[in-house]
C-alpha atoms as a PDB file:
ATOM      1  CA  MET A   1     -58.935 -41.553  -6.132  1.00  0.00           C
ATOM      2  CA  GLN A   2     -57.190 -38.562  -4.563  1.00  0.00           C
ATOM      3  CA  ASN A   3     -55.380 -40.841  -2.100  1.00  0.00           C
ATOM      4  CA  THR A   4     -54.097 -43.001  -4.986  1.00  0.00           C
ATOM      5  CA  LYS A   5     -52.636 -39.940  -6.766  1.00  0.00           C
ATOM      6  CA  GLN A   6     -50.874 -38.756  -3.588  1.00  0.00           C
ATOM      7  CA  LYS A   7     -49.280 -42.206  -3.139  1.00  0.00           C
ATOM      8  CA  LYS A   8     -47.970 -42.231  -6.719  1.00  0.00           C
ATOM      9  CA  GLY A   9     -46.811 -38.594  -6.623  1.00  0.00           C
ATOM     10  CA  MET A  10     -44.958 -36.488  -4.037  1.00  0.00           C
ATOM     11  CA  SER A  11     -46.585 -34.666  -1.196  1.00  0.00           C
ATOM     12  CA  ASN A  12     -46.248 -30.883  -0.927  1.00  0.00           C
ATOM     13  CA  ARG A  13     -43.851 -31.331   1.979  1.00  0.00           C
ATOM     14  CA  GLU A  14     -41.660 -33.705  -0.037  1.00  0.00           C
ATOM     15  CA  ILE A  15     -41.659 -31.312  -2.974  1.00  0.00           C
ATOM     16  CA  VAL A  16     -40.523 -28.451  -0.708  1.00  0.00           C
ATOM     17  CA  LEU A  17     -37.808 -30.560   0.926  1.00  0.00           C
ATOM     18  CA  TYR A  18     -36.610 -31.809  -2.468  1.00  0.00           C
ATOM     19  CA  SER A  19     -36.457 -28.264  -3.808  1.00  0.00           C
ATOM     20  CA  MET A  20     -34.548 -27.049  -0.762  1.00  0.00           C
ATOM     21  CA  GLY A  21     -32.113 -29.929  -1.102  1.00  0.00           C
ATOM     22  CA  SER A  22     -31.525 -29.099  -4.745  1.00  0.00           C
ATOM     23  CA  ILE A  23     -30.904 -25.455  -3.908  1.00  0.00           C
ATOM     24  CA  LEU A  24     -28.457 -26.381  -1.134  1.00  0.00           C
ATOM     25  CA  LEU A  25     -26.685 -28.833  -3.448  1.00  0.00           C
ATOM     26  CA  VAL A  26     -26.313 -26.247  -6.213  1.00  0.00           C
ATOM     27  CA  GLY A  27     -25.307 -23.554  -3.722  1.00  0.00           C
ATOM     28  CA  GLY A  28     -22.795 -25.855  -2.052  1.00  0.00           C
ATOM     29  CA  THR A  29     -21.321 -26.822  -5.411  1.00  0.00           C
ATOM     30  CA  PHE A  30     -21.004 -23.139  -6.319  1.00  0.00           C
ATOM     31  CA  PHE A  31     -19.186 -22.224  -3.099  1.00  0.00           C
ATOM     32  CA  VAL A  32     -16.904 -25.260  -3.282  1.00  0.00           C
ATOM     33  CA  GLY A  33     -16.137 -24.455  -6.914  1.00  0.00           C
ATOM     34  CA  ARG A  34     -15.439 -20.828  -6.088  1.00  0.00           C
ATOM     35  CA  LYS A  35     -13.093 -21.856  -3.259  1.00  0.00           C
ATOM     36  CA  LEU A  36     -11.231 -24.239  -5.561  1.00  0.00           C
ATOM     37  CA  VAL A  37     -10.793 -21.482  -8.141  1.00  0.00           C
ATOM     38  CA  ARG A  38      -9.694 -19.003  -5.474  1.00  0.00           C
ATOM     39  CA  ASP A  39      -7.192 -21.505  -4.038  1.00  0.00           C
ATOM     40  CA  ALA A  40      -5.802 -22.187  -7.521  1.00  0.00           C
ATOM     41  CA  VAL A  41      -5.388 -18.448  -8.193  1.00  0.00           C
ATOM     42  CA  LYS A  42      -3.727 -17.977  -4.803  1.00  0.00           C
ATOM     43  CA  LYS A  43      -1.318 -20.871  -5.469  1.00  0.00           C
ATOM     44  CA  HIS A  44      -0.428 -19.351  -8.831  1.00  0.00           C
ATOM     45  CA  GLU A  45       0.288 -15.981  -7.191  1.00  0.00           C
ATOM     46  CA  GLU A  46       2.342 -17.687  -4.457  1.00  0.00           C
ATOM     47  CA  ASN A  47       4.463 -19.388  -7.113  1.00  0.00           C
ATOM     48  CA  ASN A  48       5.040 -16.046  -8.831  1.00  0.00           C
ATOM     49  CA  SER A  49       5.980 -14.335  -5.566  1.00  0.00           C
ATOM     50  CA  VAL A  50       9.312 -16.171  -5.334  1.00  0.00           C
ATOM     51  CA  GLU A  51      10.608 -14.217  -8.339  1.00  0.00           C
ATOM     52  CA  ASP A  52      12.269 -10.956  -7.269  1.00  0.00           C
ATOM     53  CA  GLY A  53      10.697  -7.899  -8.845  1.00  0.00           C
ATOM     54  CA  SER A  54       7.506  -9.698  -9.824  1.00  0.00           C
ATOM     55  CA  ILE A  55       4.092  -8.203  -9.115  1.00  0.00           C
ATOM     56  CA  ALA A  56       3.312 -10.958  -6.597  1.00  0.00           C
ATOM     57  CA  SER A  57       6.647 -10.491  -4.808  1.00  0.00           C
ATOM     58  CA  TYR A  58       5.821  -6.810  -4.235  1.00  0.00           C
ATOM     59  CA  ALA A  59       2.420  -7.810  -2.836  1.00  0.00           C
ATOM     60  CA  LYS A  60       4.000 -10.367  -0.522  1.00  0.00           C
ATOM     61  CA  SER A  61       6.639  -7.892   0.695  1.00  0.00           C
ATOM     62  CA  ILE A  62       3.890  -5.404   1.554  1.00  0.00           C
ATOM     63  CA  LYS A  63       1.981  -8.064   3.513  1.00  0.00           C
ATOM     64  CA  MET A  64       5.163  -9.054   5.359  1.00  0.00           C
ATOM     65  CA  ALA A  65       5.700  -5.387   6.270  1.00  0.00           C
ATOM     66  CA  PHE A  66       2.159  -5.270   7.675  1.00  0.00           C
ATOM     67  CA  ASP A  67       2.712  -8.491   9.654  1.00  0.00           C
ATOM     68  CA  ASN A  68       6.116  -7.280  10.920  1.00  0.00           C
ATOM     69  CA  ASP A  69       7.189 -10.773  12.079  1.00  0.00           C
ATOM     70  CA  GLY A  70       4.377 -10.783  14.622  1.00  0.00           C
ATOM     71  CA  TRP A  71       5.462  -7.569  16.338  1.00  0.00           C
ATOM     72  CA  TRP A  72       2.859  -4.918  17.072  1.00  0.00           C
ATOM     73  CA  GLY A  73       2.427  -2.396  14.271  1.00  0.00           C
ATOM     74  CA  ALA A  74       3.663  -2.416  10.684  1.00  0.00           C
ATOM     75  CA  ASP A  75       7.291  -2.199   9.589  1.00  0.00           C
ATOM     76  CA  GLU A  76       7.115   1.248   7.984  1.00  0.00           C
ATOM     77  CA  GLN A  77      10.702   1.166   6.720  1.00  0.00           C
ATOM     78  CA  ALA A  78      10.166  -2.129   4.900  1.00  0.00           C
ATOM     79  CA  LEU A  79       6.874  -0.861   3.477  1.00  0.00           C
ATOM     80  CA  ARG A  80       8.466   2.408   2.363  1.00  0.00           C
ATOM     81  CA  THR A  81      11.336   0.560   0.667  1.00  0.00           C
ATOM     82  CA  THR A  82       8.923  -1.708  -1.197  1.00  0.00           C
ATOM     83  CA  LEU A  83       6.678   1.137  -2.364  1.00  0.00           C
ATOM     84  CA  ILE A  84       9.664   3.201  -3.526  1.00  0.00           C
ATOM     85  CA  SER A  85      10.917   0.246  -5.581  1.00  0.00           C
ATOM     86  CA  ILE A  86       7.594  -0.140  -7.447  1.00  0.00           C
ATOM     87  CA  PRO A  87       8.264   1.603 -10.787  1.00  0.00           C
ATOM     88  CA  SER A  88       4.878   3.115 -11.672  1.00  0.00           C
ATOM     89  CA  LYS A  89       1.247   3.670 -10.700  1.00  0.00           C
ATOM     90  CA  GLN A  90       0.212   1.041 -13.219  1.00  0.00           C
ATOM     91  CA  THR A  91       2.506  -1.483 -11.536  1.00  0.00           C
ATOM     92  CA  PHE A  92       1.135  -0.537  -8.117  1.00  0.00           C
ATOM     93  CA  ASN A  93      -2.416  -1.142  -9.363  1.00  0.00           C
ATOM     94  CA  ASP A  94      -1.300  -4.588 -10.523  1.00  0.00           C
ATOM     95  CA  VAL A  95       0.287  -5.189  -7.108  1.00  0.00           C
ATOM     96  CA  ALA A  96      -3.004  -4.270  -5.416  1.00  0.00           C
ATOM     97  CA  LYS A  97      -4.822  -6.839  -7.592  1.00  0.00           C
ATOM     98  CA  SER A  98      -2.220  -9.479  -6.756  1.00  0.00           C
ATOM     99  CA  TYR A  99      -2.592  -8.646  -3.048  1.00  0.00           C
ATOM    100  CA  GLN A 100      -6.357  -9.210  -3.362  1.00  0.00           C
ATOM    101  CA  ARG A 101      -5.786 -12.583  -5.040  1.00  0.00           C
ATOM    102  CA  LEU A 102      -3.242 -13.679  -2.435  1.00  0.00           C
ATOM    103  CA  TYR A 103      -4.989 -12.556   0.737  1.00  0.00           C
ATOM    104  CA  ASN A 104      -8.587 -11.855  -0.308  1.00  0.00           C
ATOM    105  CA  LYS A 105      -8.197  -8.352   1.154  1.00  0.00           C
ATOM    106  CA  SER A 106      -7.988  -4.815  -0.156  1.00  0.00           C
ATOM    107  CA  LEU A 107      -4.432  -3.467  -0.087  1.00  0.00           C
ATOM    108  CA  MET A 108      -5.509   0.131   0.512  1.00  0.00           C
ATOM    109  CA  THR A 109      -7.931  -0.896   3.281  1.00  0.00           C
ATOM    110  CA  ASP A 110      -5.170  -2.850   5.028  1.00  0.00           C
ATOM    111  CA  MET A 111      -2.818   0.097   4.606  1.00  0.00           C
ATOM    112  CA  GLN A 112      -5.335   2.399   6.287  1.00  0.00           C
ATOM    113  CA  SER A 113      -5.797   0.013   9.204  1.00  0.00           C
ATOM    114  CA  GLU A 114      -2.084  -0.720   9.682  1.00  0.00           C
ATOM    115  CA  LEU A 115      -0.701   2.827   9.477  1.00  0.00           C
ATOM    116  CA  SER A 116      -1.156   6.083  11.326  1.00  0.00           C
ATOM    117  CA  ILE A 117      -2.535   9.059   9.391  1.00  0.00           C
ATOM    118  CA  SER A 118       0.905  10.573   8.795  1.00  0.00           C
ATOM    119  CA  GLU A 119       2.367   7.226   7.712  1.00  0.00           C
ATOM    120  CA  TYR A 120      -0.556   6.552   5.386  1.00  0.00           C
ATOM    121  CA  ASN A 121      -0.214  10.028   3.844  1.00  0.00           C
ATOM    122  CA  GLU A 122       3.488   9.411   3.252  1.00  0.00           C
ATOM    123  CA  MET A 123       2.875   6.073   1.512  1.00  0.00           C
ATOM    124  CA  VAL A 124       0.103   7.530  -0.654  1.00  0.00           C
ATOM    125  CA  SER A 125       2.438  10.391  -1.612  1.00  0.00           C
ATOM    126  CA  ILE A 126       5.086   7.862  -2.681  1.00  0.00           C
ATOM    127  CA  ILE A 127       2.531   6.162  -4.930  1.00  0.00           C
ATOM    128  CA  ASN A 128       1.132   9.415  -6.332  1.00  0.00           C
ATOM    129  CA  GLY A 129       4.603  10.663  -7.185  1.00  0.00           C
ATOM    130  CA  LYS A 130       5.271   7.800  -9.591  1.00  0.00           C
ATOM    131  CA  ALA A 131       4.989   7.872 -13.374  1.00  0.00           C
ATOM    132  CA  GLU A 132       1.721   6.585 -14.808  1.00  0.00           C
ATOM    133  CA  ASN A 133       3.465   3.555 -16.307  1.00  0.00           C
ATOM    134  CA  LYS A 134       6.986   2.154 -16.406  1.00  0.00           C
ATOM    135  CA  ASN A 135       7.475   3.222 -20.037  1.00  0.00           C
ATOM    136  CA  SER A 136       6.901   6.919 -19.330  1.00  0.00           C
ATOM    137  CA  LYS A 137       9.811   8.940 -20.701  1.00  0.00           C
ATOM    138  CA  VAL A 138       8.897  12.444 -19.527  1.00  0.00           C
ATOM    139  CA  VAL A 139       9.445  13.230 -15.854  1.00  0.00           C
ATOM    140  CA  ASN A 140       7.144  15.844 -14.312  1.00  0.00           C
ATOM    141  CA  TYR A 141       9.695  17.469 -12.036  1.00  0.00           C
ATOM    142  CA  SER A 142       7.306  20.016 -10.525  1.00  0.00           C
ATOM    143  CA  LYS A 143       5.062  17.149  -9.427  1.00  0.00           C
ATOM    144  CA  GLN A 144       8.056  15.259  -8.051  1.00  0.00           C
ATOM    145  CA  TYR A 145       9.146  18.263  -5.976  1.00  0.00           C
ATOM    146  CA  GLU A 146       5.623  18.522  -4.586  1.00  0.00           C
ATOM    147  CA  THR A 147       5.612  14.788  -3.795  1.00  0.00           C
ATOM    148  CA  TRP A 148       8.847  15.070  -1.841  1.00  0.00           C
ATOM    149  CA  ALA A 149       7.485  18.114   0.005  1.00  0.00           C
ATOM    150  CA  ARG A 150       4.322  16.205   0.974  1.00  0.00           C
ATOM    151  CA  ARG A 151       6.352  13.253   2.175  1.00  0.00           C
ATOM    152  CA  LEU A 152       8.459  15.533   4.355  1.00  0.00           C
ATOM    153  CA  LYS A 153       5.298  17.056   5.822  1.00  0.00           C
ATOM    154  CA  SER A 154       4.030  13.568   6.662  1.00  0.00           C
ATOM    155  CA  ALA A 155       7.349  12.858   8.396  1.00  0.00           C
ATOM    156  CA  PHE A 156       7.005  16.041  10.457  1.00  0.00           C
ATOM    157  CA  ASP A 157       3.412  15.127  11.382  1.00  0.00           C
ATOM    158  CA  LYS A 158       4.434  11.786  12.893  1.00  0.00           C
ATOM    159  CA  SER A 159       3.066  11.191  16.390  1.00  0.00           C
ATOM    160  CA  TYR A 160       3.294   8.446  18.989  1.00  0.00           C
ATOM    161  CA  GLY A 161      -0.198   8.389  20.391  1.00  0.00           C
ATOM    162  CA  PHE A 162      -0.781  11.870  21.788  1.00  0.00           C
ATOM    163  CA  ILE A 163       2.974  12.635  21.811  1.00  0.00           C
ATOM    164  CA  PRO A 164       4.186  14.567  18.727  1.00  0.00           C
ATOM    165  CA  GLY A 165       7.305  13.260  17.042  1.00  0.00           C
ATOM    166  CA  THR A 166       9.283  13.167  13.806  1.00  0.00           C
ATOM    167  CA  ASP A 167       9.923  10.296  11.431  1.00  0.00           C
ATOM    168  CA  GLU A 168      13.633  10.744  10.786  1.00  0.00           C
ATOM    169  CA  GLU A 169      13.845   7.673   8.560  1.00  0.00           C
ATOM    170  CA  ALA A 170      11.133   9.080   6.302  1.00  0.00           C
ATOM    171  CA  ILE A 171      13.072  12.369   6.010  1.00  0.00           C
ATOM    172  CA  LYS A 172      16.278  10.478   5.247  1.00  0.00           C
ATOM    173  CA  ALA A 173      14.519   8.431   2.543  1.00  0.00           C
ATOM    174  CA  VAL A 174      13.408  11.635   0.797  1.00  0.00           C
ATOM    175  CA  PHE A 175      16.833  13.244   1.113  1.00  0.00           C
ATOM    176  CA  ILE A 176      18.493  10.184  -0.430  1.00  0.00           C
ATOM    177  CA  GLU A 177      16.103  10.318  -3.390  1.00  0.00           C
ATOM    178  CA  ILE A 178      16.606  14.031  -4.105  1.00  0.00           C
ATOM    179  CA  PRO A 179      19.311  14.051  -6.821  1.00  0.00           C
ATOM    180  CA  THR A 180      20.887  17.526  -6.492  1.00  0.00           C
ATOM    181  CA  GLN A 181      21.151  20.573  -4.257  1.00  0.00           C
ATOM    182  CA  SER A 182      19.170  22.497  -6.853  1.00  0.00           C
ATOM    183  CA  ALA A 183      16.364  19.927  -6.663  1.00  0.00           C
ATOM    184  CA  PHE A 184      16.365  20.277  -2.877  1.00  0.00           C
ATOM    185  CA  ALA A 185      15.896  24.034  -3.273  1.00  0.00           C
ATOM    186  CA  GLN A 186      12.935  23.347  -5.553  1.00  0.00           C
ATOM    187  CA  VAL A 187      11.478  21.027  -2.890  1.00  0.00           C
ATOM    188  CA  GLY A 188      11.820  23.921  -0.432  1.00  0.00           C
ATOM    189  CA  THR A 189       9.915  26.172  -2.827  1.00  0.00           C
ATOM    190  CA  ALA A 190       7.179  23.550  -3.211  1.00  0.00           C
ATOM    191  CA  TYR A 191       6.965  23.177   0.569  1.00  0.00           C
ATOM    192  CA  GLN A 192       6.612  26.953   1.009  1.00  0.00           C
ATOM    193  CA  LEU A 193       3.807  27.071  -1.558  1.00  0.00           C
ATOM    194  CA  LEU A 194       1.969  24.102  -0.058  1.00  0.00           C
ATOM    195  CA  TYR A 195       2.286  24.947   3.638  1.00  0.00           C
ATOM    196  CA  ASN A 196       3.356  28.598   3.765  1.00  0.00           C
ATOM    197  CA  THR A 197       6.344  27.609   5.891  1.00  0.00           C
ATOM    198  CA  ASN A 198      10.091  27.612   5.317  1.00  0.00           C
ATOM    199  CA  LEU A 199      11.388  24.039   4.975  1.00  0.00           C
ATOM    200  CA  ILE A 200      14.769  24.700   6.585  1.00  0.00           C
ATOM    201  CA  THR A 201      13.105  26.356   9.580  1.00  0.00           C
ATOM    202  CA  VAL A 202      10.866  23.328  10.037  1.00  0.00           C
ATOM    203  CA  LEU A 203      13.776  20.923   9.691  1.00  0.00           C
ATOM    204  CA  LYS A 204      15.694  22.746  12.408  1.00  0.00           C
ATOM    205  CA  SER A 205      12.681  22.647  14.720  1.00  0.00           C
ATOM    206  CA  GLU A 206      11.849  18.989  14.040  1.00  0.00           C
ATOM    207  CA  LEU A 207      15.373  17.553  14.274  1.00  0.00           C
ATOM    208  CA  GLU A 208      17.725  17.583  17.226  1.00  0.00           C
ATOM    209  CA  PHE A 209      20.893  19.598  16.664  1.00  0.00           C
ATOM    210  CA  TRP A 210      22.949  16.395  16.397  1.00  0.00           C
ATOM    211  CA  GLU A 211      20.510  15.083  13.752  1.00  0.00           C
ATOM    212  CA  TYR A 212      20.234  18.206  11.619  1.00  0.00           C
ATOM    213  CA  GLU A 213      23.834  18.472  10.374  1.00  0.00           C
ATOM    214  CA  PRO A 214      24.204  14.802   9.297  1.00  0.00           C
ATOM    215  CA  MET A 215      20.830  14.989   7.584  1.00  0.00           C
ATOM    216  CA  MET A 216      21.763  18.131   5.656  1.00  0.00           C
ATOM    217  CA  LYS A 217      25.105  16.596   4.747  1.00  0.00           C
ATOM    218  CA  ILE A 218      23.169  14.094   2.619  1.00  0.00           C
ATOM    219  CA  ILE A 219      22.032  17.069   0.519  1.00  0.00           C
ATOM    220  CA  THR A 220      25.249  19.130   0.547  1.00  0.00           C
ATOM    221  CA  SER A 221      27.259  16.104  -0.635  1.00  0.00           C
ATOM    222  CA  LYS A 222      25.145  15.943  -3.803  1.00  0.00           C
ATOM    223  CA  PRO A 223      26.046  17.793  -7.021  1.00  0.00           C
ATOM    224  CA  LYS A 224      24.742  21.322  -7.347  1.00  0.00           C
END
């Protein structure tokens, strides 16, 4: 009688194999479905990235700066230019989400791995110095002066391996952004408060004598 029931039904081994097959089928369907959704989202972001000034285009420009046309290291100037052009922290957060959708990676994690400490600090300072959202009307000038001071410090802290150096392009980028000679003086005050060091003294020590005068001319040519 027992033998007859086993023939009509499934053995324990068959039941286990059937269950495992069902689990694998469901699991496989889930992963295939998730990949299809992810690919569709990525395609949508790629289509949006062709529009200048779009969230996806910022994300793509950042990735291109990291890739640097296959050369070793990131293109810091291209990255700096892109981050400066992003209008607000809210927009940057949207860019980070778009970056995740496009490349399935964390933007901030990639930034940490691609940049040196001083470069990373500079880029974070650029982001932190932005308004909370693009509709913000009130500018917090004291915070902006501090942001510029921190970016200058990051430029001074640049190193090439164990060899100390200076990121002149990062200094120039800050100097171009500073609107007036008075604002530059306020940046100097912020730098003194943050690092207990005179900004002009540091500039003279960090720049060669043939670099210092042209750099300062950027500031002295601005309105008072």
